[in-house]
């Protein structure tokens, strides 16, 4: 996969380059700020763009604004945003924005090399992945709307795990239930959220975004009998 990195920290930028190249990816550009980002993307045509939330010169929301701009202009470009802390407003802006595959991870996740490399591959392959801590905070501070209140506790837990970007197999292993049960729960979620099959067939993403946007129960994977 062709990857462009935009990160002001020299140590993290160089670390990402080494880590991703070792994983077999090609780094087409590595920038310290967003000043030349659009030109670099146009010239190098990356498959994935990794951006820090806070970039020079103000270190506020340059990375988020750049991510929103890139996603709107290039729906085929996967974008992974890295943040030092959970910043709900920025995560919400990205969720609401148009675009393709999207990731929002805390920088601590980079320390787990295997997990980070796997997540990069999933986002590059079209998945939408949010850090579990980001998901938990977004869910914890939003009230339930009428559609979300239709979900059972188990369906809410399954949907929370879907919002984290987990596959049916991973959800089944986490909850100690069969993949068939996971599929039934997800089908029920689609029905209760009134998500009809569309041309893209991407109801999982629509359901996850609805969960993040309107609230729900944070996953409590250690409790409750399988059903």
Protein backbone atom coordinates (compact mmCIF):
# COMPACT_ATOMS: atom_id res chain seq x y z
CA UNK A 1 0.00 0.00 0.00
CA UNK A 2 1.18 3.53 -0.83
CA UNK A 3 1.10 5.70 2.31
CA UNK A 4 1.59 9.43 2.91
CA UNK A 5 2.43 10.57 6.46
CA UNK A 6 1.85 14.07 7.83
CA UNK A 7 3.24 14.31 11.39
CA UNK A 8 5.20 17.16 12.99
CA UNK A 9 7.04 15.03 15.55
CA UNK A 10 10.29 13.88 13.93
CA UNK A 11 10.59 10.84 16.18
CA UNK A 12 7.04 9.64 15.54
CA UNK A 13 7.25 10.42 11.83
CA UNK A 14 10.47 8.47 11.40
CA UNK A 15 9.13 5.69 13.60
CA UNK A 16 6.02 5.37 11.43
CA UNK A 17 8.14 5.29 8.29
CA UNK A 18 10.32 2.48 9.64
CA UNK A 19 7.41 0.51 11.05
CA UNK A 20 5.27 0.69 7.92
CA UNK A 21 8.15 0.02 5.52
CA UNK A 22 9.07 -3.04 7.58
CA UNK A 23 5.47 -4.18 7.13
CA UNK A 24 5.89 -4.00 3.35
CA UNK A 25 4.23 -0.64 2.64
CA UNK A 26 5.64 2.15 0.47
CA UNK A 27 5.98 5.61 2.04
CA UNK A 28 5.41 8.03 -0.83
CA UNK A 29 5.85 11.21 1.26
CA UNK A 30 6.48 12.22 4.89
CA UNK A 31 5.57 15.82 5.76
CA UNK A 32 6.08 17.85 8.97
CA UNK A 33 2.96 20.00 8.37
CA UNK A 34 -0.06 20.37 6.08
CA UNK A 35 1.32 23.23 3.99
CA UNK A 36 2.23 21.06 1.02
CA UNK A 37 -0.19 18.23 1.73
CA UNK A 38 -2.63 18.74 -1.16
CA UNK A 39 0.20 19.02 -3.69
CA UNK A 40 1.92 15.93 -2.27
CA UNK A 41 -1.31 13.91 -2.44
CA UNK A 42 -1.91 15.02 -6.03
CA UNK A 43 1.66 14.13 -7.02
CA UNK A 44 2.07 10.82 -5.19
CA UNK A 45 -1.51 9.42 -5.31
CA UNK A 46 -1.35 7.53 -1.99
CA UNK A 47 -3.81 4.82 -0.97
CA UNK A 48 -3.78 5.97 2.65
CA UNK A 49 -2.98 9.29 4.33
CA UNK A 50 -1.93 9.32 8.02
CA UNK A 51 -2.41 12.70 9.70
CA UNK A 52 -1.79 14.13 13.15
CA UNK A 53 -4.81 16.05 14.55
CA UNK A 54 -2.67 19.00 15.67
CA UNK A 55 -0.15 20.33 13.16
CA UNK A 56 1.85 23.55 12.72
CA UNK A 57 1.52 26.46 12.75
CA UNK A 58 -1.21 26.71 15.44
CA UNK A 59 -1.27 23.08 16.62
CA UNK A 60 -5.06 23.16 16.94
CA UNK A 61 -7.10 21.52 14.18
CA UNK A 62 -4.94 21.75 11.04
CA UNK A 63 -4.80 17.98 10.67
CA UNK A 64 -8.55 17.54 11.07
CA UNK A 65 -9.32 20.30 8.55
CA UNK A 66 -6.87 18.72 6.12
CA UNK A 67 -8.48 15.30 6.63
CA UNK A 68 -11.97 16.71 6.00
CA UNK A 69 -10.74 18.45 2.87
CA UNK A 70 -9.00 15.36 1.51
CA UNK A 71 -11.94 13.07 2.22
CA UNK A 72 -14.37 15.41 0.46
CA UNK A 73 -12.12 15.85 -2.58
CA UNK A 74 -10.93 12.23 -2.85
CA UNK A 75 -13.56 9.71 -1.65
CA UNK A 76 -11.26 6.87 -2.70
CA UNK A 77 -8.49 7.99 -0.33
CA UNK A 78 -8.39 6.23 3.05
CA UNK A 79 -7.53 8.56 5.94
CA UNK A 80 -6.15 7.68 9.37
CA UNK A 81 -6.08 10.46 11.96
CA UNK A 82 -3.80 10.14 14.99
CA UNK A 83 -4.48 12.06 18.19
CA UNK A 84 -2.69 12.39 21.52
CA UNK A 85 -6.00 12.58 23.39
CA UNK A 86 -9.67 11.82 22.77
CA UNK A 87 -11.03 14.96 21.11
CA UNK A 88 -14.74 14.38 20.67
CA UNK A 89 -15.46 17.44 18.54
CA UNK A 90 -12.83 16.49 15.98
CA UNK A 91 -14.01 12.87 15.90
CA UNK A 92 -17.60 14.05 15.41
CA UNK A 93 -16.55 16.37 12.57
CA UNK A 94 -14.85 13.46 10.82
CA UNK A 95 -17.85 11.20 11.30
CA UNK A 96 -20.17 13.83 9.86
CA UNK A 97 -17.88 14.59 6.90
CA UNK A 98 -18.07 12.91 3.53
CA UNK A 99 -15.46 10.46 2.32
CA UNK A 100 -14.27 6.88 2.22
CA UNK A 101 -12.44 4.65 4.69
CA UNK A 102 -11.62 6.42 7.94
CA UNK A 103 -9.64 5.73 11.09
CA UNK A 104 -9.27 7.72 14.31
CA UNK A 105 -6.71 6.30 16.73
CA UNK A 106 -4.91 7.50 19.83
CA UNK A 107 -1.16 7.64 19.41
CA UNK A 108 -0.73 5.12 22.23
CA UNK A 109 -2.00 2.48 19.80
CA UNK A 110 1.15 2.88 17.70
CA UNK A 111 3.09 1.33 20.56
CA UNK A 112 1.33 -1.97 19.90
CA UNK A 113 3.06 -2.57 16.59
CA UNK A 114 1.14 -5.66 15.49
CA UNK A 115 -2.25 -4.11 16.27
CA UNK A 116 -1.35 -0.84 14.58
CA UNK A 117 -0.08 -2.51 11.40
CA UNK A 118 -3.23 -4.63 11.25
CA UNK A 119 -5.42 -1.55 11.73
CA UNK A 120 -3.59 0.32 8.96
CA UNK A 121 -4.20 -2.62 6.62
CA UNK A 122 -7.90 -2.72 7.53
CA UNK A 123 -8.40 1.01 6.93
CA UNK A 124 -6.47 0.77 3.68
CA UNK A 125 -8.80 -2.05 2.71
CA UNK A 126 -11.89 0.10 3.21
CA UNK A 127 -12.77 -0.33 6.89
CA UNK A 128 -13.85 2.42 9.27
CA UNK A 129 -12.01 2.04 12.58
CA UNK A 130 -12.28 4.18 15.70
CA UNK A 131 -10.18 3.80 18.82
CA UNK A 132 -12.22 2.05 21.56
CA UNK A 133 -11.61 4.98 23.92
CA UNK A 134 -12.95 7.41 21.32
CA UNK A 135 -16.00 5.23 20.79
CA UNK A 136 -16.64 4.95 24.53
CA UNK A 137 -16.50 8.70 25.10
CA UNK A 138 -18.65 9.51 22.10
CA UNK A 139 -21.24 6.98 23.22
CA UNK A 140 -21.12 7.98 26.86
CA UNK A 141 -21.97 11.63 26.23
CA UNK A 142 -24.81 11.28 23.75
CA UNK A 143 -28.41 10.57 24.64
CA UNK A 144 -30.29 7.71 23.05
CA UNK A 145 -32.80 8.52 20.36
CA UNK A 146 -35.93 6.54 19.60
CA UNK A 147 -34.29 4.17 17.14
CA UNK A 148 -31.35 3.35 19.40
CA UNK A 149 -33.71 2.62 22.30
CA UNK A 150 -35.17 -0.21 20.22
CA UNK A 151 -31.94 -2.20 20.57
CA UNK A 152 -31.47 -4.84 23.24
CA UNK A 153 -28.40 -4.68 25.48
CA UNK A 154 -26.75 -7.44 23.46
CA UNK A 155 -27.51 -5.69 20.17
CA UNK A 156 -26.05 -2.46 21.55
CA UNK A 157 -22.91 -4.31 22.60
CA UNK A 158 -22.57 -5.94 19.16
CA UNK A 159 -23.08 -2.58 17.45
CA UNK A 160 -20.46 -0.95 19.69
CA UNK A 161 -17.96 -3.59 18.58
CA UNK A 162 -18.96 -3.08 14.94
CA UNK A 163 -18.26 0.65 15.46
CA UNK A 164 -14.75 -0.30 16.60
CA UNK A 165 -14.24 -1.96 13.20
CA UNK A 166 -14.32 -5.56 14.38
CA UNK A 167 -15.29 -8.42 12.09
CA UNK A 168 -18.12 -10.85 12.84
CA UNK A 169 -15.56 -13.49 13.80
CA UNK A 170 -13.80 -11.12 16.21
CA UNK A 171 -17.12 -10.07 17.78
CA UNK A 172 -18.10 -13.72 18.21
CA UNK A 173 -14.80 -14.49 19.94
CA UNK A 174 -15.09 -11.44 22.19
CA UNK A 175 -18.65 -12.21 23.28
CA UNK A 176 -18.20 -16.01 23.30
CA UNK A 177 -21.07 -16.59 20.90
CA UNK A 178 -21.30 -18.09 17.42
CA UNK A 179 -20.80 -16.10 14.24
CA UNK A 180 -24.35 -17.07 13.32
CA UNK A 181 -25.62 -15.34 16.46
CA UNK A 182 -23.58 -12.25 15.62
CA UNK A 183 -25.10 -12.17 12.13
CA UNK A 184 -28.62 -12.42 13.60
CA UNK A 185 -27.93 -9.56 16.03
CA UNK A 186 -26.54 -7.37 13.24
CA UNK A 187 -29.50 -8.16 10.97
CA UNK A 188 -31.84 -7.17 13.82
CA UNK A 189 -29.88 -3.93 14.32
CA UNK A 190 -30.23 -3.07 10.62
CA UNK A 191 -33.98 -3.65 10.85
CA UNK A 192 -34.46 -1.61 14.04
CA UNK A 193 -32.37 1.27 12.69
CA UNK A 194 -34.32 1.07 9.43
CA UNK A 195 -31.19 0.72 7.33
CA UNK A 196 -32.13 -0.65 3.94
CA UNK A 197 -29.67 -2.37 1.65
CA UNK A 198 -28.11 0.18 -0.73
CA UNK A 199 -25.94 -0.11 -3.82
CA UNK A 200 -22.73 -0.06 -1.76
CA UNK A 201 -23.98 -2.72 0.64
CA UNK A 202 -22.23 -0.86 3.44
CA UNK A 203 -24.90 -0.92 6.13
CA UNK A 204 -22.31 -1.85 8.77
CA UNK A 205 -20.66 1.56 8.41
CA UNK A 206 -24.03 3.34 8.37
CA UNK A 207 -25.10 1.50 11.52
CA UNK A 208 -21.81 2.26 13.26
CA UNK A 209 -22.03 5.95 12.39
CA UNK A 210 -25.65 6.07 13.56
CA UNK A 211 -24.52 4.53 16.85
CA UNK A 212 -21.78 7.11 17.27
CA UNK A 213 -24.02 9.97 16.22
CA UNK A 214 -27.06 9.13 18.33
CA UNK A 215 -25.57 7.30 21.31
CA UNK A 216 -25.78 3.82 22.75
CA UNK A 217 -24.37 1.59 25.42
CA UNK A 218 -20.59 1.24 25.60
CA UNK A 219 -19.55 -2.40 25.18
CA UNK A 220 -19.42 -4.47 28.35
CA UNK A 221 -17.91 -7.60 26.94
CA UNK A 222 -17.17 -9.25 30.25
CA UNK A 223 -20.78 -9.49 31.45
CA UNK A 224 -24.00 -11.10 30.44
CA UNK A 225 -24.80 -14.63 29.38
CA UNK A 226 -24.43 -15.40 25.67
CA UNK A 227 -27.69 -15.49 23.79
